[in-house]
């Protein structure tokens, strides 16, 4: 038996074959100078200190100071306790602001989310989706101040200036061709054939079938006379069972002419409604032609008063009073919808793009209609995105100020809590205690929505 060479024992054998020995371990490597890639915590804190200091100065300090200031009176010297907080719900203007804020929170986020969902679904089915999204999203590039100025002009009462009323008047006039002559009436004084009657004009005497009647009017404003009006004509001869007549502007330019008789140069008044009345009951009606003449047919026997009802003398339709006490809050919410619909559309469209198409196709294969697919598949899968959009908009509307301030123009009927806070503290109220109380109340209202959003974002990351 051979001796081991260099003191190394021979390899063990099994079944006559030599076993392979385990390789010798590598020599230990030289340690790196740095074993960790991340910086030490003290260095990270050092870099964060400027941001933390700025955050504390701009966020934490104002919150703490506002809470403390809300507990004192307007001068800041006397302790007021919770009086400033209870005062938010006292007084007519404060209650209007609370009511309007509640309307904003309920209506605006829901409406913007629904419109954004509609636009997002629509853009998936049109060819020019990018251009459509650009147009809808463009108002987000405009400041609230500029948007308020734009809609202040849009909501002007005069249809010649306000776009909203111009559109309403155009639609109204398309379906209701009413002709009115506001301010017109009988000549008055002396032996005149007409008299005022319950806001309208009626004959002083009575007429029966087979007769004609002249109904001259004065004080007709030229701007209310239609372009198609023709020179006044004598009434056509009345046949049996008919009452004919003429309604005209009894004024001859340059003077002259005989009163209460159609003269050359005098204008007929078209579109005037004429009624034959007996005992308070209307038995026949007619409408004047371009030359002011009219014919009432099938008039029963008897004596009647010929009347021009008050509808002929009311002002023409001039649209809605958007900035009045009734519609001002819905009008401002409409401008908010114009600005934020693009934001909701973009977020919801991103959520739609992430929906697995297999689920939609499977529902269609199973026989579901497009509405059923949308309601039972698309909406449930989009629920997280819709919730984020609605909560984000809720946070935003609780702080809305610019649009209300610019469009409302100081009208207390449009006030919200954010505007009331500014008014109390800096806009003439000079009571920073009350203003701080409203600010703290808004913070308390916003905080749950913010925490909800943060929690949902964390859940989506995990």
Protein backbone atom coordinates (compact mmCIF):
# COMPACT_ATOMS: atom_id res chain seq x y z
CA UNK A 1 0.00 0.00 0.00
CA UNK A 2 1.30 3.35 -1.10
CA UNK A 3 1.79 6.04 1.40
CA UNK A 4 -0.21 9.18 1.00
CA UNK A 5 1.50 11.76 -1.12
CA UNK A 6 2.22 15.05 0.58
CA UNK A 7 0.09 14.02 3.53
CA UNK A 8 -3.14 13.89 1.48
CA UNK A 9 -5.23 10.74 2.18
CA UNK A 10 -6.20 8.66 -0.82
CA UNK A 11 -9.66 9.09 -2.29
CA UNK A 12 -12.30 6.70 -0.98
CA UNK A 13 -13.38 4.07 -3.41
CA UNK A 14 -16.67 2.31 -3.83
CA UNK A 15 -17.16 -0.65 -6.13
CA UNK A 16 -13.69 -0.17 -7.55
CA UNK A 17 -14.38 3.37 -8.84
CA UNK A 18 -12.70 6.38 -7.42
CA UNK A 19 -15.02 8.92 -5.76
CA UNK A 20 -14.69 12.59 -6.75
CA UNK A 21 -13.65 14.76 -3.84
CA UNK A 22 -15.56 18.03 -3.01
CA UNK A 23 -13.84 21.11 -4.44
CA UNK A 24 -11.98 23.22 -2.02
CA UNK A 25 -13.81 26.45 -0.99
CA UNK A 26 -12.76 29.68 -2.64
CA UNK A 27 -10.68 31.98 -0.59
CA UNK A 28 -12.70 34.76 1.13
CA UNK A 29 -13.15 37.87 -1.02
CA UNK A 30 -12.05 41.23 0.11
CA UNK A 31 -14.98 43.11 1.66
CA UNK A 32 -16.29 46.05 -0.26
CA UNK A 33 -15.91 49.43 1.24
CA UNK A 34 -19.71 49.86 1.18
CA UNK A 35 -22.02 46.91 1.72
CA UNK A 36 -25.29 48.91 1.36
CA UNK A 37 -26.55 50.90 -1.61
CA UNK A 38 -29.05 52.93 0.44
CA UNK A 39 -27.83 56.00 2.35
CA UNK A 40 -27.93 56.02 6.12
CA UNK A 41 -31.11 57.29 7.75
CA UNK A 42 -29.42 60.38 9.18
CA UNK A 43 -28.36 61.46 5.70
CA UNK A 44 -31.87 60.95 4.28
CA UNK A 45 -33.28 62.98 7.16
CA UNK A 46 -30.77 65.72 6.46
CA UNK A 47 -31.99 66.06 2.88
CA UNK A 48 -35.64 65.97 4.00
CA UNK A 49 -35.26 68.70 6.62
CA UNK A 50 -35.70 71.66 4.20
CA UNK A 51 -38.88 70.12 2.74
CA UNK A 52 -40.20 69.31 6.22
CA UNK A 53 -39.45 72.84 7.41
CA UNK A 54 -41.25 74.32 4.39
CA UNK A 55 -44.20 71.95 4.86
CA UNK A 56 -44.48 72.86 8.50
CA UNK A 57 -44.33 76.58 7.73
CA UNK A 58 -46.87 76.48 4.89
CA UNK A 59 -49.26 73.75 6.11
CA UNK A 60 -48.89 72.74 9.75
CA UNK A 61 -48.47 76.22 11.22
CA UNK A 62 -51.50 77.74 9.38
CA UNK A 63 -53.69 74.83 10.47
CA UNK A 64 -52.68 75.11 14.11
CA UNK A 65 -52.94 78.89 14.10
CA UNK A 66 -56.38 78.79 12.43
CA UNK A 67 -57.67 76.39 15.09
CA UNK A 68 -56.38 78.66 17.86
CA UNK A 69 -57.64 81.83 16.16
CA UNK A 70 -61.11 80.34 15.68
CA UNK A 71 -61.53 80.25 19.45
CA UNK A 72 -61.19 84.03 19.82
CA UNK A 73 -63.38 86.96 18.84
CA UNK A 74 -62.86 89.46 16.02
CA UNK A 75 -60.23 91.44 17.94
CA UNK A 76 -58.30 88.31 18.91
CA UNK A 77 -58.19 89.35 22.56
CA UNK A 78 -61.31 87.78 24.10
CA UNK A 79 -61.79 84.02 24.21
CA UNK A 80 -64.99 83.08 22.35
CA UNK A 81 -64.96 79.30 22.71
CA UNK A 82 -67.25 77.59 20.21
CA UNK A 83 -69.33 80.71 19.51
CA UNK A 84 -67.66 81.18 16.14
CA UNK A 85 -68.51 77.60 15.19
CA UNK A 86 -72.14 77.89 16.20
CA UNK A 87 -72.32 81.20 14.36
CA UNK A 88 -71.64 79.41 11.07
CA UNK A 89 -75.16 77.96 11.29
CA UNK A 90 -76.83 81.21 12.34
CA UNK A 91 -77.95 84.14 10.21
CA UNK A 92 -79.55 84.11 6.78
CA UNK A 93 -76.36 84.52 4.72
CA UNK A 94 -74.51 81.80 6.63
CA UNK A 95 -77.41 79.38 6.25
CA UNK A 96 -77.57 80.12 2.51
CA UNK A 97 -73.84 79.38 2.25
CA UNK A 98 -74.30 76.07 4.09
CA UNK A 99 -77.25 75.13 1.90
CA UNK A 100 -75.41 76.00 -1.31
CA UNK A 101 -72.34 74.05 -0.21
CA UNK A 102 -74.52 71.00 0.40
CA UNK A 103 -76.03 71.42 -3.08
CA UNK A 104 -72.55 71.65 -4.58
CA UNK A 105 -71.34 68.52 -2.78
CA UNK A 106 -74.36 66.47 -3.85
CA UNK A 107 -74.85 67.71 -7.41
CA UNK A 108 -71.53 68.83 -8.88
CA UNK A 109 -69.34 65.69 -8.33
CA UNK A 110 -72.15 63.37 -9.43
CA UNK A 111 -72.93 65.41 -12.53
CA UNK A 112 -69.29 65.81 -13.58
CA UNK A 113 -68.61 62.10 -13.03
CA UNK A 114 -71.63 61.07 -15.10
CA UNK A 115 -70.73 63.46 -17.94
CA UNK A 116 -67.09 62.36 -17.81
CA UNK A 117 -68.19 58.72 -18.00
CA UNK A 118 -70.42 59.51 -20.97
CA UNK A 119 -67.59 61.29 -22.79
CA UNK A 120 -65.10 58.53 -21.99
CA UNK A 121 -67.39 55.83 -23.39
CA UNK A 122 -68.24 58.01 -26.38
CA UNK A 123 -64.60 58.57 -27.31
CA UNK A 124 -64.11 54.83 -27.65
CA UNK A 125 -66.65 54.73 -30.47
CA UNK A 126 -65.73 57.72 -32.62
CA UNK A 127 -62.94 58.16 -35.13
CA UNK A 128 -61.67 61.53 -33.95
CA UNK A 129 -61.33 60.55 -30.30
CA UNK A 130 -58.07 62.46 -29.75
CA UNK A 131 -59.47 65.71 -31.13
CA UNK A 132 -62.65 65.29 -29.08
CA UNK A 133 -60.67 64.69 -25.87
CA UNK A 134 -58.53 67.74 -26.61
CA UNK A 135 -61.58 69.97 -27.00
CA UNK A 136 -63.26 68.67 -23.83
CA UNK A 137 -60.05 68.85 -21.78
CA UNK A 138 -59.05 72.30 -23.02
CA UNK A 139 -61.02 74.26 -20.33
CA UNK A 140 -58.72 72.71 -17.70
CA UNK A 141 -55.95 74.89 -19.13
CA UNK A 142 -57.96 78.03 -18.32
CA UNK A 143 -57.84 79.50 -14.83
CA UNK A 144 -60.99 79.64 -12.74
CA UNK A 145 -60.78 83.42 -12.87
CA UNK A 146 -60.86 83.45 -16.67
CA UNK A 147 -63.60 80.81 -16.69
CA UNK A 148 -65.67 82.95 -14.36
CA UNK A 149 -65.29 85.98 -16.62
CA UNK A 150 -66.29 83.89 -19.65
CA UNK A 151 -69.44 82.55 -18.03
CA UNK A 152 -70.31 85.92 -16.58
CA UNK A 153 -70.66 87.01 -20.20
CA UNK A 154 -72.38 83.78 -21.27
CA UNK A 155 -75.10 84.32 -18.67
CA UNK A 156 -75.87 87.94 -19.61
CA UNK A 157 -79.61 88.62 -19.57
CA UNK A 158 -79.64 90.41 -22.93
CA UNK A 159 -79.85 87.78 -25.72
CA UNK A 160 -77.75 90.08 -27.91
CA UNK A 161 -74.87 89.67 -25.44
CA UNK A 162 -75.39 86.43 -23.51
CA UNK A 163 -74.81 83.20 -25.45
CA UNK A 164 -77.08 81.12 -23.20
CA UNK A 165 -80.11 83.36 -23.65
CA UNK A 166 -79.37 83.83 -27.35
CA UNK A 167 -79.62 80.06 -27.80
CA UNK A 168 -82.77 79.83 -25.68
CA UNK A 169 -84.48 82.65 -27.56
CA UNK A 170 -83.56 81.07 -30.90
CA UNK A 171 -85.03 77.71 -29.85
CA UNK A 172 -88.13 79.34 -28.38
CA UNK A 173 -88.78 81.45 -31.46
CA UNK A 174 -88.37 78.39 -33.67
CA UNK A 175 -91.28 76.59 -32.02
CA UNK A 176 -93.33 79.55 -30.75
CA UNK A 177 -93.61 82.38 -33.22
CA UNK A 178 -95.24 84.85 -30.85
CA UNK A 179 -95.54 88.49 -31.88
CA UNK A 180 -95.88 91.01 -29.10
CA UNK A 181 -96.18 94.77 -28.96
CA UNK A 182 -95.25 95.70 -25.38
CA UNK A 183 -96.25 99.21 -24.39
CA UNK A 184 -98.87 99.60 -27.13
CA UNK A 185 -102.42 100.55 -26.26
CA UNK A 186 -105.44 102.71 -27.20
CA UNK A 187 -105.04 106.41 -27.89
CA UNK A 188 -107.07 107.38 -24.83
CA UNK A 189 -109.17 110.43 -24.17
CA UNK A 190 -112.19 111.66 -26.06
CA UNK A 191 -114.52 109.49 -28.05
CA UNK A 192 -112.21 106.58 -28.86
CA UNK A 193 -113.21 103.18 -30.26
CA UNK A 194 -110.93 101.24 -27.85
CA UNK A 195 -110.37 101.05 -24.12
CA UNK A 196 -107.99 99.18 -21.82
CA UNK A 197 -109.34 95.86 -20.54
CA UNK A 198 -107.54 93.63 -17.98
CA UNK A 199 -104.11 94.30 -19.44
CA UNK A 200 -105.42 94.10 -23.00
CA UNK A 201 -107.48 96.30 -25.29
CA UNK A 202 -111.22 95.99 -26.14
CA UNK A 203 -113.80 97.90 -28.12
CA UNK A 204 -115.88 100.44 -26.25
CA UNK A 205 -119.03 99.23 -28.01
CA UNK A 206 -120.35 95.84 -29.09
CA UNK A 207 -120.37 94.25 -32.52
CA UNK A 208 -122.21 91.36 -34.10
CA UNK A 209 -121.71 88.95 -36.99
CA UNK A 210 -121.65 90.66 -40.38
CA UNK A 211 -119.92 93.80 -39.10
CA UNK A 212 -116.38 95.18 -39.40
CA UNK A 213 -114.37 96.84 -36.64
CA UNK A 214 -111.37 99.20 -36.66
CA UNK A 215 -108.85 98.78 -33.82
CA UNK A 216 -106.17 101.50 -33.96
CA UNK A 217 -103.22 101.32 -31.56
CA UNK A 218 -100.60 103.87 -30.57
CA UNK A 219 -97.31 103.80 -28.65
CA UNK A 220 -96.04 100.93 -30.75
CA UNK A 221 -92.24 100.74 -30.60
CA UNK A 222 -90.69 100.37 -34.08
CA UNK A 223 -88.31 97.62 -32.96
CA UNK A 224 -91.27 95.36 -32.19
CA UNK A 225 -92.88 95.73 -35.62
CA UNK A 226 -91.96 92.66 -37.73
CA UNK A 227 -90.04 93.14 -40.95
CA UNK A 228 -92.89 91.55 -42.91
CA UNK A 229 -95.48 94.11 -41.81
CA UNK A 230 -97.37 95.73 -44.69
CA UNK A 231 -99.26 99.04 -44.97
CA UNK A 232 -102.55 99.00 -43.08
CA UNK A 233 -105.59 98.14 -45.19
CA UNK A 234 -109.30 98.54 -44.77
CA UNK A 235 -111.00 95.46 -43.32
CA UNK A 236 -112.46 93.06 -45.86
CA UNK A 237 -116.27 93.04 -46.23
CA UNK A 238 -117.89 90.89 -43.56
CA UNK A 239 -120.07 88.03 -44.73
CA UNK A 240 -122.79 86.33 -42.73
CA UNK A 241 -121.37 84.74 -39.61
CA UNK A 242 -118.15 86.76 -39.87
CA UNK A 243 -116.55 89.66 -38.02
CA UNK A 244 -113.74 91.41 -39.86
CA UNK A 245 -111.45 94.23 -38.87
CA UNK A 246 -108.02 95.84 -38.92
CA UNK A 247 -105.44 96.33 -36.18
CA UNK A 248 -102.80 98.91 -37.10
CA UNK A 249 -100.36 101.49 -35.80
CA UNK A 250 -102.40 104.67 -36.01
CA UNK A 251 -99.51 107.05 -36.61
CA UNK A 252 -98.67 108.88 -39.83
CA UNK A 253 -95.04 109.90 -40.19
CA UNK A 254 -94.70 113.59 -40.90
CA UNK A 255 -98.15 114.34 -39.48
CA UNK A 256 -101.52 114.55 -41.12
CA UNK A 257 -103.99 111.78 -41.65
CA UNK A 258 -107.32 111.14 -40.02
CA UNK A 259 -107.26 109.46 -36.58
CA UNK A 260 -108.90 106.08 -36.05
CA UNK A 261 -108.86 105.39 -39.80
CA UNK A 262 -106.14 103.55 -41.75
CA UNK A 263 -104.21 106.21 -43.69
CA UNK A 264 -101.51 105.95 -46.30
CA UNK A 265 -98.14 105.38 -44.65
CA UNK A 266 -99.57 103.69 -41.55
CA UNK A 267 -98.49 100.14 -40.78
CA UNK A 268 -100.60 97.09 -40.08
CA UNK A 269 -99.71 94.98 -37.06
CA UNK A 270 -99.42 91.29 -37.98
CA UNK A 271 -99.64 88.38 -35.56
CA UNK A 272 -102.10 90.06 -33.15
CA UNK A 273 -104.59 87.69 -31.56
CA UNK A 274 -108.21 88.93 -31.67
CA UNK A 275 -111.13 87.49 -29.65
CA UNK A 276 -114.88 87.89 -29.71
CA UNK A 277 -116.09 87.84 -26.09
CA UNK A 278 -119.60 87.62 -24.62
CA UNK A 279 -120.27 87.22 -20.93
CA UNK A 280 -116.59 86.55 -20.23
CA UNK A 281 -116.56 83.64 -22.71
CA UNK A 282 -114.47 83.66 -25.89
CA UNK A 283 -116.64 82.46 -28.78
CA UNK A 284 -114.34 83.18 -31.76
CA UNK A 285 -110.71 84.04 -32.39
CA UNK A 286 -108.52 85.22 -35.27
CA UNK A 287 -104.98 86.40 -35.93
CA UNK A 288 -104.14 89.49 -37.96
CA UNK A 289 -102.43 89.25 -41.35
CA UNK A 290 -99.38 91.19 -42.53
CA UNK A 291 -101.56 94.25 -43.29
CA UNK A 292 -103.33 94.04 -39.92
CA UNK A 293 -106.63 92.69 -41.26
CA UNK A 294 -108.41 89.72 -39.70
CA UNK A 295 -111.54 87.63 -40.26
CA UNK A 296 -113.37 85.69 -37.54
CA UNK A 297 -115.58 82.98 -39.03
CA UNK A 298 -118.53 81.07 -37.57
CA UNK A 299 -119.49 83.83 -35.16
CA UNK A 300 -122.91 83.10 -33.60
CA UNK A 301 -125.61 85.69 -33.58
CA UNK A 302 -125.50 88.20 -30.78
CA UNK A 303 -123.54 91.21 -29.54
CA UNK A 304 -119.85 90.78 -28.73
CA UNK A 305 -116.94 92.79 -27.42
CA UNK A 306 -113.92 92.51 -29.71
CA UNK A 307 -110.82 92.20 -27.56
CA UNK A 308 -107.06 92.10 -28.04
CA UNK A 309 -105.91 89.97 -25.05
CA UNK A 310 -103.02 90.96 -22.82
CA UNK A 311 -100.72 88.35 -24.42
CA UNK A 312 -100.37 90.72 -27.37
CA UNK A 313 -98.75 93.37 -25.19
CA UNK A 314 -96.28 91.35 -23.12
CA UNK A 315 -92.58 91.63 -23.81
CA UNK A 316 -91.15 88.97 -26.14
CA UNK A 317 -89.30 86.03 -24.67
CA UNK A 318 -85.83 87.16 -23.59
CA UNK A 319 -84.46 83.98 -22.08
CA UNK A 320 -83.87 82.98 -18.47
CA UNK A 321 -82.54 85.14 -15.68
CA UNK A 322 -79.47 82.99 -15.11
CA UNK A 323 -77.90 85.25 -12.52
CA UNK A 324 -81.11 85.75 -10.56
CA UNK A 325 -81.66 84.38 -7.08
CA UNK A 326 -83.28 81.17 -8.38
CA UNK A 327 -80.88 79.95 -11.07
CA UNK A 328 -77.55 81.42 -10.02
CA UNK A 329 -76.26 78.33 -8.17
CA UNK A 330 -77.23 75.89 -10.97
CA UNK A 331 -75.67 78.31 -13.46
CA UNK A 332 -72.35 78.33 -11.60
CA UNK A 333 -72.43 74.54 -11.31
CA UNK A 334 -72.88 74.48 -15.10
CA UNK A 335 -69.68 76.47 -15.52
CA UNK A 336 -67.90 74.08 -13.12
CA UNK A 337 -69.12 71.19 -15.26
CA UNK A 338 -67.61 72.85 -18.34
CA UNK A 339 -64.22 73.15 -16.66
CA UNK A 340 -63.93 69.75 -14.94
CA UNK A 341 -65.61 67.37 -17.38
CA UNK A 342 -62.31 66.91 -19.20
CA UNK A 343 -60.56 65.90 -15.99
CA UNK A 344 -63.16 63.24 -15.23
CA UNK A 345 -63.17 62.04 -18.85
CA UNK A 346 -59.38 61.50 -18.95
CA UNK A 347 -59.28 59.52 -15.69
CA UNK A 348 -62.28 57.38 -16.59
CA UNK A 349 -60.93 56.80 -20.10
CA UNK A 350 -57.70 55.49 -18.56
CA UNK A 351 -59.78 53.14 -16.42
CA UNK A 352 -61.71 51.96 -19.46
CA UNK A 353 -58.47 51.18 -21.29
CA UNK A 354 -57.38 48.95 -18.40
CA UNK A 355 -60.58 46.86 -18.41
CA UNK A 356 -59.91 43.36 -19.77
CA UNK A 357 -61.68 43.01 -23.09
CA UNK A 358 -62.23 39.33 -22.49
CA UNK A 359 -64.85 40.12 -19.85
CA UNK A 360 -66.74 42.40 -22.25
CA UNK A 361 -66.58 39.94 -25.12
CA UNK A 362 -67.69 37.08 -22.87
CA UNK A 363 -70.75 39.05 -21.82
CA UNK A 364 -71.61 39.81 -25.46
CA UNK A 365 -71.17 36.14 -26.42
CA UNK A 366 -73.57 35.21 -23.62
CA UNK A 367 -76.21 37.38 -25.30
CA UNK A 368 -75.97 40.56 -23.22
CA UNK A 369 -76.98 43.79 -24.92
CA UNK A 370 -74.63 46.79 -25.00
CA UNK A 371 -76.60 48.45 -22.20
CA UNK A 372 -76.38 45.31 -20.05
CA UNK A 373 -72.64 45.03 -20.74
CA UNK A 374 -72.19 48.66 -19.75
CA UNK A 375 -74.34 48.44 -16.63
CA UNK A 376 -73.31 45.01 -15.31
CA UNK A 377 -69.72 44.67 -16.51
CA UNK A 378 -68.19 48.04 -17.36
CA UNK A 379 -69.58 50.01 -14.41
CA UNK A 380 -68.57 47.43 -11.72
CA UNK A 381 -65.06 47.19 -13.17
CA UNK A 382 -64.85 50.99 -13.28
CA UNK A 383 -66.19 51.44 -9.75
CA UNK A 384 -62.76 52.13 -8.16
CA UNK A 385 -61.94 54.79 -10.77
CA UNK A 386 -65.37 56.38 -10.52
CA UNK A 387 -65.03 56.51 -6.74
CA UNK A 388 -61.64 58.22 -6.95
CA UNK A 389 -63.00 60.79 -9.41
CA UNK A 390 -66.10 61.49 -7.31
CA UNK A 391 -64.12 61.85 -4.07
CA UNK A 392 -61.53 64.10 -5.71
CA UNK A 393 -64.26 66.34 -7.08
CA UNK A 394 -65.98 66.40 -3.69
CA UNK A 395 -62.78 67.71 -2.12
CA UNK A 396 -62.56 70.31 -4.87
CA UNK A 397 -66.13 71.60 -4.61
CA UNK A 398 -65.81 72.07 -0.88
CA UNK A 399 -63.11 74.64 -1.65
CA UNK A 400 -64.72 76.25 -4.72
CA UNK A 401 -64.28 80.01 -4.57
CA UNK A 402 -63.22 81.62 -7.86
CA UNK A 403 -66.25 80.75 -9.97
CA UNK A 404 -68.70 81.71 -7.24
CA UNK A 405 -66.92 85.00 -6.57
CA UNK A 406 -66.65 86.05 -10.23
CA UNK A 407 -69.97 84.81 -11.62
CA UNK A 408 -71.99 85.49 -8.48
CA UNK A 409 -70.69 89.04 -8.26
CA UNK A 410 -71.23 89.21 -4.52
CA UNK A 411 -74.81 87.92 -4.61
CA UNK A 412 -75.45 86.26 -1.22
CA UNK A 413 -77.78 83.77 -2.93
CA UNK A 414 -74.72 82.22 -4.62
CA UNK A 415 -72.44 82.16 -1.57
CA UNK A 416 -70.70 78.98 -0.39
CA UNK A 417 -68.64 78.28 2.74
CA UNK A 418 -65.30 79.01 1.07
CA UNK A 419 -66.54 82.40 -0.14
CA UNK A 420 -68.17 83.10 3.22
CA UNK A 421 -64.86 82.35 4.93
CA UNK A 422 -63.08 84.95 2.76
CA UNK A 423 -65.89 87.48 3.24
CA UNK A 424 -65.87 87.12 7.02
CA UNK A 425 -62.09 87.33 7.35
CA UNK A 426 -60.95 89.67 4.57
CA UNK A 427 -63.89 90.75 2.38
CA UNK A 428 -65.42 93.32 4.67
CA UNK A 429 -66.39 91.29 7.73
CA UNK A 430 -63.04 91.88 9.46
CA UNK A 431 -63.72 88.95 11.78
CA UNK A 432 -60.84 86.54 11.42
CA UNK A 433 -62.19 84.48 14.29
CA UNK A 434 -65.36 83.64 12.37
CA UNK A 435 -63.38 83.17 9.15
CA UNK A 436 -60.98 80.79 10.89
CA UNK A 437 -63.90 78.79 12.28
CA UNK A 438 -65.29 78.31 8.76
CA UNK A 439 -61.80 77.33 7.53
CA UNK A 440 -61.47 74.72 10.27
CA UNK A 441 -64.94 73.42 9.46
CA UNK A 442 -63.98 73.05 5.80
CA UNK A 443 -60.80 71.22 6.83
CA UNK A 444 -62.84 68.81 8.95
CA UNK A 445 -65.17 68.19 5.99
CA UNK A 446 -62.31 67.67 3.53
CA UNK A 447 -60.15 65.45 5.77
CA UNK A 448 -62.31 62.26 5.55
CA UNK A 449 -62.39 62.46 1.77
CA UNK A 450 -58.61 62.94 1.66
CA UNK A 451 -58.02 59.98 3.96
CA UNK A 452 -60.37 57.86 1.86
CA UNK A 453 -58.39 58.68 -1.28
CA UNK A 454 -55.06 57.97 0.41
CA UNK A 455 -56.30 54.63 1.73
CA UNK A 456 -57.59 53.60 -1.69
CA UNK A 457 -54.32 54.54 -3.36
CA UNK A 458 -52.39 52.43 -0.85
CA UNK A 459 -54.72 49.48 -1.41
CA UNK A 460 -54.17 49.71 -5.16
CA UNK A 461 -50.39 49.65 -4.70
CA UNK A 462 -50.41 46.53 -2.55
